[in-house]
Amino acid sequence: ASNGGMLLYLNHESFKAVHVSPEINEIKSLIGQRNVLAYEVKRAAKARGVTIQYEDDNTGRKEKCINVQPATATVLPDLLQSNHSCERCYMNRECMLSYASANNGTNSHGALLQHFTGHLDEVELRYFREWDRLIDLEAAVSTHNIT
């Protein structure tokens, strides 16, 4: 095990490498944040609007029956309270699109929502929900052998 590591700061103007030796409380905090992220990723990865049931056929075998319901919004964590953090986030465009497609209305992030999704109407947001759901269905098929 190592006592430290290196942080590399990159931007369009320069780069900077810094050697760091984190304290135990900083390591615990990083592990906690990693666990929160892992939980949210797992929660969002569940197939939405798909149920699998097994029904007996006439031969006594169980037949797989897949039911597909209308698309629902992706389950994502809540937006950060700080509008400032979201303005500087590298995922703000995708995050605001997902938030807008979930029909969550506006909040303190109204300016960001307007900037990234103000030009989209309800038909386009519904298309995004369907497209996003198809990606989830494809992932479910590849990991659960659904045919």
C-alpha atoms as a PDB file:
ATOM      1  CA  ALA A   1       0.000   0.000   0.000  1.00  0.00           C
ATOM      2  CA  SER A   2       1.071   3.523  -0.696  1.00  0.00           C
ATOM      3  CA  ASN A   3       1.141   6.406   1.751  1.00  0.00           C
ATOM      4  CA  GLY A   4       0.147   8.913  -0.879  1.00  0.00           C
ATOM      5  CA  GLY A   5      -0.712   9.628  -4.446  1.00  0.00           C
ATOM      6  CA  MET A   6      -0.714  12.277  -7.108  1.00  0.00           C
ATOM      7  CA  LEU A   7      -3.418  14.692  -8.158  1.00  0.00           C
ATOM      8  CA  LEU A   8      -3.226  15.980 -11.700  1.00  0.00           C
ATOM      9  CA  TYR A   9      -5.036  19.245 -12.416  1.00  0.00           C
ATOM     10  CA  LEU A  10      -5.724  19.842 -16.104  1.00  0.00           C
ATOM     11  CA  ASN A  11      -7.404  22.726 -17.872  1.00  0.00           C
ATOM     12  CA  HIS A  12      -7.181  24.517 -21.190  1.00  0.00           C
ATOM     13  CA  GLU A  13      -4.368  26.790 -19.963  1.00  0.00           C
ATOM     14  CA  SER A  14      -2.012  24.561 -17.998  1.00  0.00           C
ATOM     15  CA  PHE A  15      -1.526  21.436 -15.951  1.00  0.00           C
ATOM     16  CA  LYS A  16      -0.202  20.873 -12.458  1.00  0.00           C
ATOM     17  CA  ALA A  17       0.824  17.710 -10.595  1.00  0.00           C
ATOM     18  CA  VAL A  18       0.653  17.657  -6.788  1.00  0.00           C
ATOM     19  CA  HIS A  19       1.841  14.890  -4.469  1.00  0.00           C
ATOM     20  CA  VAL A  20      -0.656  14.259  -1.675  1.00  0.00           C
ATOM     21  CA  SER A  21      -0.718  12.194   1.505  1.00  0.00           C
ATOM     22  CA  PRO A  22      -4.343  12.060   2.677  1.00  0.00           C
ATOM     23  CA  GLU A  23      -5.259  11.838   6.349  1.00  0.00           C
ATOM     24  CA  ILE A  24      -7.365   8.899   7.545  1.00  0.00           C
ATOM     25  CA  ASN A  25     -10.529  11.049   7.822  1.00  0.00           C
ATOM     26  CA  GLU A  26     -10.092  12.169   4.191  1.00  0.00           C
ATOM     27  CA  ILE A  27      -9.752   8.543   3.078  1.00  0.00           C
ATOM     28  CA  LYS A  28     -12.919   7.633   5.000  1.00  0.00           C
ATOM     29  CA  SER A  29     -14.755  10.518   3.372  1.00  0.00           C
ATOM     30  CA  LEU A  30     -13.637   9.444  -0.116  1.00  0.00           C
ATOM     31  CA  ILE A  31     -14.727   5.866   0.522  1.00  0.00           C
ATOM     32  CA  GLY A  32     -18.089   7.127   1.781  1.00  0.00           C
ATOM     33  CA  GLN A  33     -18.587   9.243  -1.343  1.00  0.00           C
ATOM     34  CA  ARG A  34     -17.597   6.278  -3.513  1.00  0.00           C
ATOM     35  CA  ASN A  35     -20.223   4.156  -1.752  1.00  0.00           C
ATOM     36  CA  VAL A  36     -22.924   6.789  -2.300  1.00  0.00           C
ATOM     37  CA  LEU A  37     -22.033   6.924  -5.990  1.00  0.00           C
ATOM     38  CA  ALA A  38     -22.040   3.112  -6.279  1.00  0.00           C
ATOM     39  CA  TYR A  39     -25.491   2.964  -4.630  1.00  0.00           C
ATOM     40  CA  GLU A  40     -26.941   5.588  -6.996  1.00  0.00           C
ATOM     41  CA  VAL A  41     -25.452   3.887 -10.065  1.00  0.00           C
ATOM     42  CA  LYS A  42     -26.921   0.536  -9.017  1.00  0.00           C
ATOM     43  CA  ARG A  43     -30.316   2.117  -8.311  1.00  0.00           C
ATOM     44  CA  ALA A  44     -30.352   3.851 -11.716  1.00  0.00           C
ATOM     45  CA  ALA A  45     -29.320   0.651 -13.523  1.00  0.00           C
ATOM     46  CA  LYS A  46     -32.547  -1.205 -12.752  1.00  0.00           C
ATOM     47  CA  ALA A  47     -34.654  -1.823 -15.836  1.00  0.00           C
ATOM     48  CA  ARG A  48     -37.553   0.620 -15.880  1.00  0.00           C
ATOM     49  CA  GLY A  49     -41.001  -0.441 -16.969  1.00  0.00           C
ATOM     50  CA  VAL A  50     -40.126  -4.095 -17.508  1.00  0.00           C
ATOM     51  CA  THR A  51     -41.470  -7.021 -15.535  1.00  0.00           C
ATOM     52  CA  ILE A  52     -40.628 -10.657 -16.074  1.00  0.00           C
ATOM     53  CA  GLN A  53     -43.093 -13.321 -15.055  1.00  0.00           C
ATOM     54  CA  TYR A  54     -42.891 -17.067 -15.388  1.00  0.00           C
ATOM     55  CA  GLU A  55     -46.101 -18.818 -16.359  1.00  0.00           C
ATOM     56  CA  ASP A  56     -46.778 -22.535 -16.621  1.00  0.00           C
ATOM     57  CA  ASP A  57     -47.496 -23.734 -20.135  1.00  0.00           C
ATOM     58  CA  ASN A  58     -49.464 -26.888 -20.931  1.00  0.00           C
ATOM     59  CA  THR A  59     -46.372 -29.108 -20.649  1.00  0.00           C
ATOM     60  CA  GLY A  60     -45.547 -28.151 -17.060  1.00  0.00           C
ATOM     61  CA  ARG A  61     -42.586 -25.992 -18.072  1.00  0.00           C
ATOM     62  CA  LYS A  62     -42.332 -22.399 -16.957  1.00  0.00           C
ATOM     63  CA  GLU A  63     -42.490 -19.946 -19.849  1.00  0.00           C
ATOM     64  CA  LYS A  64     -40.906 -16.520 -19.530  1.00  0.00           C
ATOM     65  CA  CYS A  65     -43.326 -13.638 -20.152  1.00  0.00           C
ATOM     66  CA  ILE A  66     -41.970 -10.100 -20.461  1.00  0.00           C
ATOM     67  CA  ASN A  67     -44.302  -7.141 -19.915  1.00  0.00           C
ATOM     68  CA  VAL A  68     -43.223  -3.704 -21.107  1.00  0.00           C
ATOM     69  CA  GLN A  69     -44.979  -0.673 -19.639  1.00  0.00           C
ATOM     70  CA  PRO A  70     -44.757   2.955 -20.808  1.00  0.00           C
ATOM     71  CA  ALA A  71     -41.433   4.700 -20.214  1.00  0.00           C
ATOM     72  CA  THR A  72     -40.860   6.263 -16.838  1.00  0.00           C
ATOM     73  CA  ALA A  73     -38.195   8.773 -15.885  1.00  0.00           C
ATOM     74  CA  THR A  74     -34.749   7.561 -14.948  1.00  0.00           C
ATOM     75  CA  VAL A  75     -34.176   7.250 -11.213  1.00  0.00           C
ATOM     76  CA  LEU A  76     -31.393   9.725 -10.524  1.00  0.00           C
ATOM     77  CA  PRO A  77     -30.060  11.302  -7.364  1.00  0.00           C
ATOM     78  CA  ASP A  78     -31.361  14.755  -6.449  1.00  0.00           C
ATOM     79  CA  LEU A  79     -29.671  17.776  -7.939  1.00  0.00           C
ATOM     80  CA  LEU A  80     -27.036  19.452  -5.809  1.00  0.00           C
ATOM     81  CA  GLN A  81     -28.258  22.358  -3.709  1.00  0.00           C
ATOM     82  CA  SER A  82     -25.451  24.539  -4.998  1.00  0.00           C
ATOM     83  CA  ASN A  83     -26.200  26.035  -8.390  1.00  0.00           C
ATOM     84  CA  HIS A  84     -22.544  27.118  -8.505  1.00  0.00           C
ATOM     85  CA  SER A  85     -21.320  23.499  -8.393  1.00  0.00           C
ATOM     86  CA  CYS A  86     -23.680  22.489 -11.203  1.00  0.00           C
ATOM     87  CA  GLU A  87     -22.525  25.370 -13.415  1.00  0.00           C
ATOM     88  CA  ARG A  88     -18.965  24.041 -13.287  1.00  0.00           C
ATOM     89  CA  CYS A  89     -19.820  20.337 -13.561  1.00  0.00           C
ATOM     90  CA  TYR A  90     -18.671  18.467 -16.654  1.00  0.00           C
ATOM     91  CA  MET A  91     -22.000  16.587 -16.814  1.00  0.00           C
ATOM     92  CA  ASN A  92     -24.354  19.561 -16.460  1.00  0.00           C
ATOM     93  CA  ARG A  93     -25.797  19.272 -20.003  1.00  0.00           C
ATOM     94  CA  GLU A  94     -26.711  15.578 -19.591  1.00  0.00           C
ATOM     95  CA  CYS A  95     -27.899  16.067 -16.018  1.00  0.00           C
ATOM     96  CA  MET A  96     -30.218  18.951 -16.925  1.00  0.00           C
ATOM     97  CA  LEU A  97     -31.628  16.981 -19.870  1.00  0.00           C
ATOM     98  CA  SER A  98     -32.416  14.016 -17.622  1.00  0.00           C
ATOM     99  CA  TYR A  99     -33.887  16.308 -14.984  1.00  0.00           C
ATOM    100  CA  ALA A 100     -36.066  18.119 -17.532  1.00  0.00           C
ATOM    101  CA  SER A 101     -37.284  14.850 -19.067  1.00  0.00           C
ATOM    102  CA  ALA A 102     -38.409  13.671 -15.636  1.00  0.00           C
ATOM    103  CA  ASN A 103     -40.866  16.596 -15.542  1.00  0.00           C
ATOM    104  CA  ASN A 104     -39.556  17.759 -12.183  1.00  0.00           C
ATOM    105  CA  GLY A 105     -40.416  21.381 -12.862  1.00  0.00           C
ATOM    106  CA  THR A 106     -38.000  24.149 -12.013  1.00  0.00           C
ATOM    107  CA  ASN A 107     -35.949  24.858  -8.942  1.00  0.00           C
ATOM    108  CA  SER A 108     -32.854  26.868  -8.092  1.00  0.00           C
ATOM    109  CA  HIS A 109     -31.308  25.464 -11.277  1.00  0.00           C
ATOM    110  CA  GLY A 110     -33.864  27.190 -13.499  1.00  0.00           C
ATOM    111  CA  ALA A 111     -31.249  29.175 -15.450  1.00  0.00           C
ATOM    112  CA  LEU A 112     -29.255  26.007 -16.232  1.00  0.00           C
ATOM    113  CA  LEU A 113     -32.411  24.120 -17.192  1.00  0.00           C
ATOM    114  CA  GLN A 114     -33.423  26.949 -19.504  1.00  0.00           C
ATOM    115  CA  HIS A 115     -29.946  27.160 -21.016  1.00  0.00           C
ATOM    116  CA  PHE A 116     -29.641  23.449 -21.804  1.00  0.00           C
ATOM    117  CA  THR A 117     -33.248  22.374 -22.360  1.00  0.00           C
ATOM    118  CA  GLY A 118     -35.280  25.537 -22.987  1.00  0.00           C
ATOM    119  CA  HIS A 119     -35.406  24.841 -26.723  1.00  0.00           C
ATOM    120  CA  LEU A 120     -36.922  21.353 -26.259  1.00  0.00           C
ATOM    121  CA  ASP A 121     -40.671  20.781 -26.291  1.00  0.00           C
ATOM    122  CA  GLU A 122     -42.604  17.956 -24.614  1.00  0.00           C
ATOM    123  CA  VAL A 123     -42.500  15.743 -27.727  1.00  0.00           C
ATOM    124  CA  GLU A 124     -38.697  15.902 -27.795  1.00  0.00           C
ATOM    125  CA  LEU A 125     -38.427  15.215 -24.053  1.00  0.00           C
ATOM    126  CA  ARG A 126     -40.771  12.220 -24.434  1.00  0.00           C
ATOM    127  CA  TYR A 127     -38.557  10.971 -27.287  1.00  0.00           C
ATOM    128  CA  PHE A 128     -35.528  11.251 -24.985  1.00  0.00           C
ATOM    129  CA  ARG A 129     -37.337   9.265 -22.244  1.00  0.00           C
ATOM    130  CA  GLU A 130     -38.161   6.505 -24.735  1.00  0.00           C
ATOM    131  CA  TRP A 131     -34.618   6.451 -26.143  1.00  0.00           C
ATOM    132  CA  ASP A 132     -33.130   6.366 -22.639  1.00  0.00           C
ATOM    133  CA  ARG A 133     -35.437   3.501 -21.717  1.00  0.00           C
ATOM    134  CA  LEU A 134     -34.455   1.519 -24.819  1.00  0.00           C
ATOM    135  CA  ILE A 135     -30.848   1.748 -23.691  1.00  0.00           C
ATOM    136  CA  ASP A 136     -31.906   0.357 -20.297  1.00  0.00           C
ATOM    137  CA  LEU A 137     -33.800  -2.478 -21.997  1.00  0.00           C
ATOM    138  CA  GLU A 138     -30.779  -3.306 -24.138  1.00  0.00           C
ATOM    139  CA  ALA A 139     -28.593  -3.424 -21.028  1.00  0.00           C
ATOM    140  CA  ALA A 140     -31.128  -5.674 -19.286  1.00  0.00           C
ATOM    141  CA  VAL A 141     -31.154  -8.045 -22.244  1.00  0.00           C
ATOM    142  CA  SER A 142     -27.373  -8.298 -22.296  1.00  0.00           C
ATOM    143  CA  THR A 143     -27.047  -8.916 -18.540  1.00  0.00           C
ATOM    144  CA  HIS A 144     -30.118 -11.034 -17.801  1.00  0.00           C
ATOM    145  CA  ASN A 145     -30.464 -13.144 -20.951  1.00  0.00           C
ATOM    146  CA  ILE A 146     -33.892 -11.716 -21.724  1.00  0.00           C
ATOM    147  CA  THR A 147     -34.964 -12.660 -25.256  1.00  0.00           C
END
